[in-house]
Protein backbone atom coordinates (compact mmCIF):
# COMPACT_ATOMS: atom_id res chain seq x y z
CA UNK A 1 -0.08 0.10 0.12
CA UNK A 2 2.72 2.55 0.91
CA UNK A 3 4.45 1.84 -2.50
CA UNK A 4 1.61 3.26 -4.20
CA UNK A 5 0.85 6.11 -2.35
CA UNK A 6 4.53 7.67 -3.10
CA UNK A 7 4.43 6.76 -6.50
CA UNK A 8 3.14 9.52 -7.48
CA UNK A 9 5.63 12.18 -5.74
CA UNK A 10 8.64 9.97 -7.19
CA UNK A 11 8.56 12.01 -10.28
CA UNK A 12 9.65 15.50 -8.26
CA UNK A 13 13.17 15.86 -7.83
CA UNK A 14 12.83 17.26 -3.60
CA UNK A 15 11.06 13.96 -2.89
CA UNK A 16 13.63 11.71 -4.48
CA UNK A 17 16.32 13.87 -2.72
CA UNK A 18 14.58 13.18 0.74
CA UNK A 19 13.81 9.78 0.01
CA UNK A 20 17.52 8.96 -0.73
CA UNK A 21 18.68 10.88 2.60
CA UNK A 22 16.30 9.61 4.82
CA UNK A 23 16.54 6.03 3.27
CA UNK A 24 20.18 5.84 3.57
CA UNK A 25 20.47 7.46 6.46
CA UNK A 26 17.71 5.09 8.46
CA UNK A 27 20.23 1.95 7.28
CA UNK A 28 23.15 3.03 8.47
CA UNK A 29 21.72 4.30 11.67
CA UNK A 30 19.50 1.02 11.98
CA UNK A 31 21.98 -1.48 10.50
CA UNK A 32 25.64 -0.62 11.51
CA UNK A 33 26.61 -3.91 10.54
CA UNK A 34 30.46 -4.50 9.23
CA UNK A 35 29.49 -7.39 7.43
CA UNK A 36 27.28 -5.46 5.03
CA UNK A 37 29.26 -3.50 3.41
CA UNK A 38 28.21 -3.27 0.18
CA UNK A 39 24.22 -2.24 -1.27
CA UNK A 40 24.84 -2.92 -4.83
CA UNK A 41 22.91 -5.92 -6.64
CA UNK A 42 26.39 -7.62 -7.45
CA UNK A 43 28.10 -8.38 -10.48
CA UNK A 44 29.10 -11.61 -12.93
CA UNK A 45 31.84 -11.00 -14.86
CA UNK A 46 32.10 -12.23 -18.43
CA UNK A 47 34.23 -14.59 -19.99
CA UNK A 48 36.66 -11.97 -21.11
CA UNK A 49 37.31 -9.96 -18.40
CA UNK A 50 40.20 -10.84 -16.53
CA UNK A 51 39.78 -13.04 -13.72
CA UNK A 52 39.79 -11.70 -10.07
CA UNK A 53 39.41 -13.38 -7.08
CA UNK A 54 37.90 -11.81 -4.17
CA UNK A 55 38.81 -12.27 -0.64
CA UNK A 56 37.24 -15.17 0.73
CA UNK A 57 35.47 -14.89 4.09
CA UNK A 58 31.69 -15.67 5.88
CA UNK A 59 31.41 -12.10 5.76
CA UNK A 60 32.09 -11.12 1.92
CA UNK A 61 29.84 -10.16 -0.04
CA UNK A 62 31.57 -11.70 -3.24
CA UNK A 63 29.78 -10.34 -6.35
CA UNK A 64 28.77 -6.89 -5.35
CA UNK A 65 32.41 -6.61 -4.72
CA UNK A 66 33.02 -7.37 -8.08
CA UNK A 67 31.10 -5.08 -9.38
CA UNK A 68 33.44 -2.74 -7.78
CA UNK A 69 36.46 -4.02 -8.79
CA UNK A 70 35.31 -4.37 -12.73
CA UNK A 71 33.65 -1.26 -13.01
CA UNK A 72 37.53 0.28 -11.32
CA UNK A 73 39.05 -1.93 -14.03
CA UNK A 74 37.70 0.14 -16.66
CA UNK A 75 40.65 3.15 -16.41
CA UNK A 76 43.93 3.25 -14.35
CA UNK A 77 43.32 4.31 -10.82
CA UNK A 78 47.37 4.08 -9.43
CA UNK A 79 48.52 6.96 -8.26
CA UNK A 80 45.23 9.01 -9.29
CA UNK A 81 42.97 11.14 -7.32
CA UNK A 82 39.26 9.59 -7.28
CA UNK A 83 35.78 10.97 -5.72
CA UNK A 84 33.04 8.20 -5.11
CA UNK A 85 29.62 10.10 -5.90
CA UNK A 86 27.46 7.76 -3.48
CA UNK A 87 29.91 5.52 -1.24
CA UNK A 88 27.37 4.16 1.28
CA UNK A 89 28.96 1.82 3.47
CA UNK A 90 32.17 2.10 1.98
CA UNK A 91 32.95 -1.19 1.21
CA UNK A 92 33.53 -0.36 -2.42
CA UNK A 93 35.57 2.93 -1.61
CA UNK A 94 37.64 0.60 0.88
CA UNK A 95 38.60 -2.57 -2.09
CA UNK A 96 39.28 0.18 -4.81
CA UNK A 97 41.45 2.27 -2.54
CA UNK A 98 43.10 -0.89 -1.18
CA UNK A 99 43.47 -2.67 -4.68
CA UNK A 100 44.49 -0.21 -7.10
CA UNK A 101 46.50 2.24 -4.90
CA UNK A 102 44.84 5.64 -6.04
CA UNK A 103 46.67 8.70 -4.66
CA UNK A 104 43.73 9.58 -2.90
CA UNK A 105 40.20 8.32 -2.61
CA UNK A 106 37.43 10.33 -1.24
CA UNK A 107 34.04 8.60 -0.57
CA UNK A 108 30.93 11.37 -0.22
CA UNK A 109 27.80 10.42 0.43
CA UNK A 110 24.68 12.40 0.92
CA UNK A 111 23.75 10.63 4.46
CA UNK A 112 25.76 11.72 7.08
CA UNK A 113 24.93 8.18 9.06
CA UNK A 114 26.32 6.29 6.32
CA UNK A 115 29.74 8.75 6.11
CA UNK A 116 30.25 8.20 9.81
CA UNK A 117 29.81 4.45 9.48
CA UNK A 118 32.14 3.70 6.74
CA UNK A 119 35.00 6.14 8.24
CA UNK A 120 34.36 3.57 12.03
CA UNK A 121 35.01 0.26 9.42
CA UNK A 122 37.33 1.60 7.20
CA UNK A 123 41.05 2.63 7.95
CA UNK A 124 43.75 3.28 4.78
CA UNK A 125 46.50 6.66 4.66
CA UNK A 126 44.68 7.19 1.54
CA UNK A 127 41.24 6.73 2.18
CA UNK A 128 38.40 9.17 3.65
CA UNK A 129 34.95 9.75 3.62
CA UNK A 130 32.93 12.87 3.84
CA UNK A 131 28.86 14.15 3.37
CA UNK A 132 28.04 16.12 0.57
CA UNK A 133 25.38 16.30 -2.16
CA UNK A 134 25.85 14.90 -5.70
CA UNK A 135 24.20 17.79 -7.28
CA UNK A 136 26.68 20.18 -5.09
CA UNK A 137 29.89 18.51 -5.00
CA UNK A 138 32.08 20.00 -2.55
CA UNK A 139 35.40 19.87 -4.48
CA UNK A 140 37.35 22.25 -6.83
CA UNK A 141 36.91 22.46 -10.19
CA UNK A 142 39.27 20.45 -12.24
CA UNK A 143 40.92 18.72 -9.24
CA UNK A 144 39.48 15.02 -9.52
CA UNK A 145 41.05 12.37 -12.45
CA UNK A 146 38.45 9.71 -11.68
CA UNK A 147 34.64 9.45 -10.33
CA UNK A 148 32.88 6.49 -9.85
CA UNK A 149 29.00 5.95 -9.24
CA UNK A 150 27.71 2.90 -8.19
CA UNK A 151 24.00 2.08 -8.51
CA UNK A 152 23.12 5.72 -7.40
CA UNK A 153 22.28 8.14 -10.06
CA UNK A 154 18.64 7.16 -10.46
CA UNK A 155 18.00 8.28 -6.96
CA UNK A 156 19.12 12.16 -7.58
CA UNK A 157 16.85 14.76 -7.64
CA UNK A 158 18.29 16.05 -10.74
CA UNK A 159 21.00 13.93 -12.98
CA UNK A 160 21.68 16.53 -15.33
CA UNK A 161 22.97 18.88 -12.03
CA UNK A 162 24.92 15.32 -10.96
CA UNK A 163 26.57 15.29 -14.66
CA UNK A 164 27.40 19.17 -15.07
CA UNK A 165 29.10 19.14 -10.89
CA UNK A 166 31.30 15.92 -12.49
CA UNK A 167 32.04 17.24 -15.43
CA UNK A 168 32.75 20.80 -13.07
CA UNK A 169 35.10 18.89 -10.77
CA UNK A 170 37.00 16.33 -13.01
CA UNK A 171 40.13 17.21 -14.71
CA UNK A 172 40.41 17.81 -18.85
CA UNK A 173 40.81 14.37 -19.83
CA UNK A 174 38.86 12.65 -16.34
CA UNK A 175 36.49 9.90 -16.43
CA UNK A 176 33.37 9.03 -15.04
CA UNK A 177 32.84 5.08 -14.22
CA UNK A 178 29.21 4.54 -13.94
CA UNK A 179 26.76 1.28 -13.29
CA UNK A 180 23.23 2.22 -13.00
CA UNK A 181 19.99 0.57 -13.69
CA UNK A 182 16.35 2.01 -14.89
CA UNK A 183 12.91 0.92 -15.15
CA UNK A 184 11.73 0.92 -18.81
CA UNK A 185 13.57 1.89 -21.84
CA UNK A 186 11.85 5.07 -22.34
CA UNK A 187 13.54 5.51 -18.35
CA UNK A 188 17.01 4.43 -19.54
CA UNK A 189 16.39 6.48 -23.18
CA UNK A 190 16.22 9.95 -20.93
CA UNK A 191 19.25 8.71 -19.17
CA UNK A 192 21.46 8.45 -22.38
CA UNK A 193 20.00 11.80 -23.45
CA UNK A 194 21.13 13.42 -20.24
CA UNK A 195 24.22 11.95 -20.99
CA UNK A 196 24.60 12.93 -24.54
CA UNK A 197 24.04 16.72 -23.41
CA UNK A 198 26.30 16.41 -20.35
CA UNK A 199 29.19 17.37 -22.39
CA UNK A 200 30.89 14.36 -21.70
CA UNK A 201 32.26 12.06 -23.95
CA UNK A 202 30.95 8.48 -24.15
CA UNK A 203 33.64 5.96 -24.38
CA UNK A 204 31.59 2.64 -23.50
CA UNK A 205 28.00 1.80 -23.01
CA UNK A 206 27.17 -1.92 -21.61
CA UNK A 207 24.02 -3.40 -21.09
CA UNK A 208 25.15 -5.67 -17.49
CA UNK A 209 21.55 -6.65 -16.99
CA UNK A 210 21.71 -10.15 -17.16
CA UNK A 211 25.30 -10.21 -15.34
CA UNK A 212 23.40 -8.49 -12.61
CA UNK A 213 20.34 -11.00 -12.94
CA UNK A 214 23.18 -14.21 -12.35
CA UNK A 215 24.62 -12.12 -9.57
CA UNK A 216 21.29 -12.11 -7.73
CA UNK A 217 20.79 -15.66 -8.29
CA UNK A 218 24.15 -16.67 -7.13
CA UNK A 219 24.03 -14.49 -3.79
CA UNK A 220 20.39 -15.29 -2.56
CA UNK A 221 21.03 -17.85 -0.24
CA UNK A 222 23.43 -15.71 1.80
CA UNK A 223 21.56 -12.47 1.02
CA UNK A 224 18.77 -13.90 2.90
CA UNK A 225 20.58 -15.41 5.87
CA UNK A 226 21.90 -11.89 6.01
CA UNK A 227 18.69 -10.64 6.25
CA UNK A 228 17.14 -12.74 9.02
CA UNK A 229 20.62 -11.85 10.71
CA UNK A 230 20.38 -8.43 11.05
CA UNK A 231 16.42 -7.08 10.32
CA UNK A 232 13.94 -7.75 12.49
CA UNK A 233 11.30 -10.36 11.13
CA UNK A 234 8.52 -7.92 10.41
CA UNK A 235 10.33 -6.33 8.39
CA UNK A 236 12.34 -8.86 6.33
CA UNK A 237 9.88 -9.24 3.53
CA UNK A 238 9.94 -5.22 2.72
CA UNK A 239 13.85 -5.32 3.03
CA UNK A 240 13.91 -8.33 1.01
CA UNK A 241 12.20 -6.00 -1.79
CA UNK A 242 14.24 -3.22 -1.41
CA UNK A 243 17.57 -5.69 -1.00
CA UNK A 244 16.24 -7.09 -4.61
CA UNK A 245 16.39 -10.99 -3.43
CA UNK A 246 15.18 -13.26 -5.83
CA UNK A 247 11.07 -12.91 -6.56
CA UNK A 248 11.40 -9.64 -5.75
CA UNK A 249 9.81 -7.20 -8.33
CA UNK A 250 13.46 -5.96 -8.82
CA UNK A 251 14.98 -9.09 -9.86
CA UNK A 252 11.69 -10.27 -11.60
CA UNK A 253 11.63 -6.56 -13.80
CA UNK A 254 15.50 -7.25 -14.46
CA UNK A 255 14.85 -10.52 -15.43
CA UNK A 256 11.75 -10.37 -18.04
CA UNK A 257 13.70 -7.02 -19.59
CA UNK A 258 11.56 -4.26 -18.00
CA UNK A 259 14.57 -3.20 -16.22
CA UNK A 260 17.92 -2.19 -17.78
CA UNK A 261 21.13 -1.95 -15.78
CA UNK A 262 24.16 -0.30 -17.51
CA UNK A 263 27.60 0.25 -17.38
CA UNK A 264 29.05 3.22 -18.97
CA UNK A 265 32.48 5.18 -19.32
CA UNK A 266 32.88 8.96 -19.81
CA UNK A 267 35.27 11.63 -20.21
CA UNK A 268 35.76 14.96 -19.81
CA UNK A 269 37.00 16.77 -22.81
């Protein structure tokens, strides 16, 4: 019932901003678990991609970590200044900062509770987390080599403002590495139009919907167990929908190809 009541408001930028802030503030505050460091839906690579073996352990979220790893592999990060917009709990930032050795990695998130949580569980000399808006990035113009954006832009009040801010903070020749989804082809077409109008150059555009579906299926057992462990029983079904478990609406729309998931590489001229 609740999701039907709020659906008409989702067209308004102010509501999308408010919804994102409240949702992720609440998740970071109520579920401050060090073993749930990723919120993306995960990725299984193609046979053509270079093999990578993630760390092994009961708390490792293999497939969401792979989403970051293979996105970060798209362009050199070593000795670069990297900004992640929408860093959440910081698991992806921690991996990229550790594995690819950038000069500095700043993870920025709208939700202060998420920033506080990420700073408390991740500690590396080249990594820090700050609070900030994707539509008003608190960094100087021409100061960043690479911007990373994972499963975040769909929640922004204005994607155009986000892309404009990315272009502003990137150095000439810098890159935006982005993965995200849109429901229905018309919405993905709008997103692609926004990218074309951004002044950034499209270098790569990949439909990775099937890779994400396979990831959801592969991770489902461990994700369901994590939900049972960390989420109060009365909220488990609702959270399962949010987390995209097998059988959820998110999973079904990806599987039946009415929702699209893309990986994109853009460059500032």
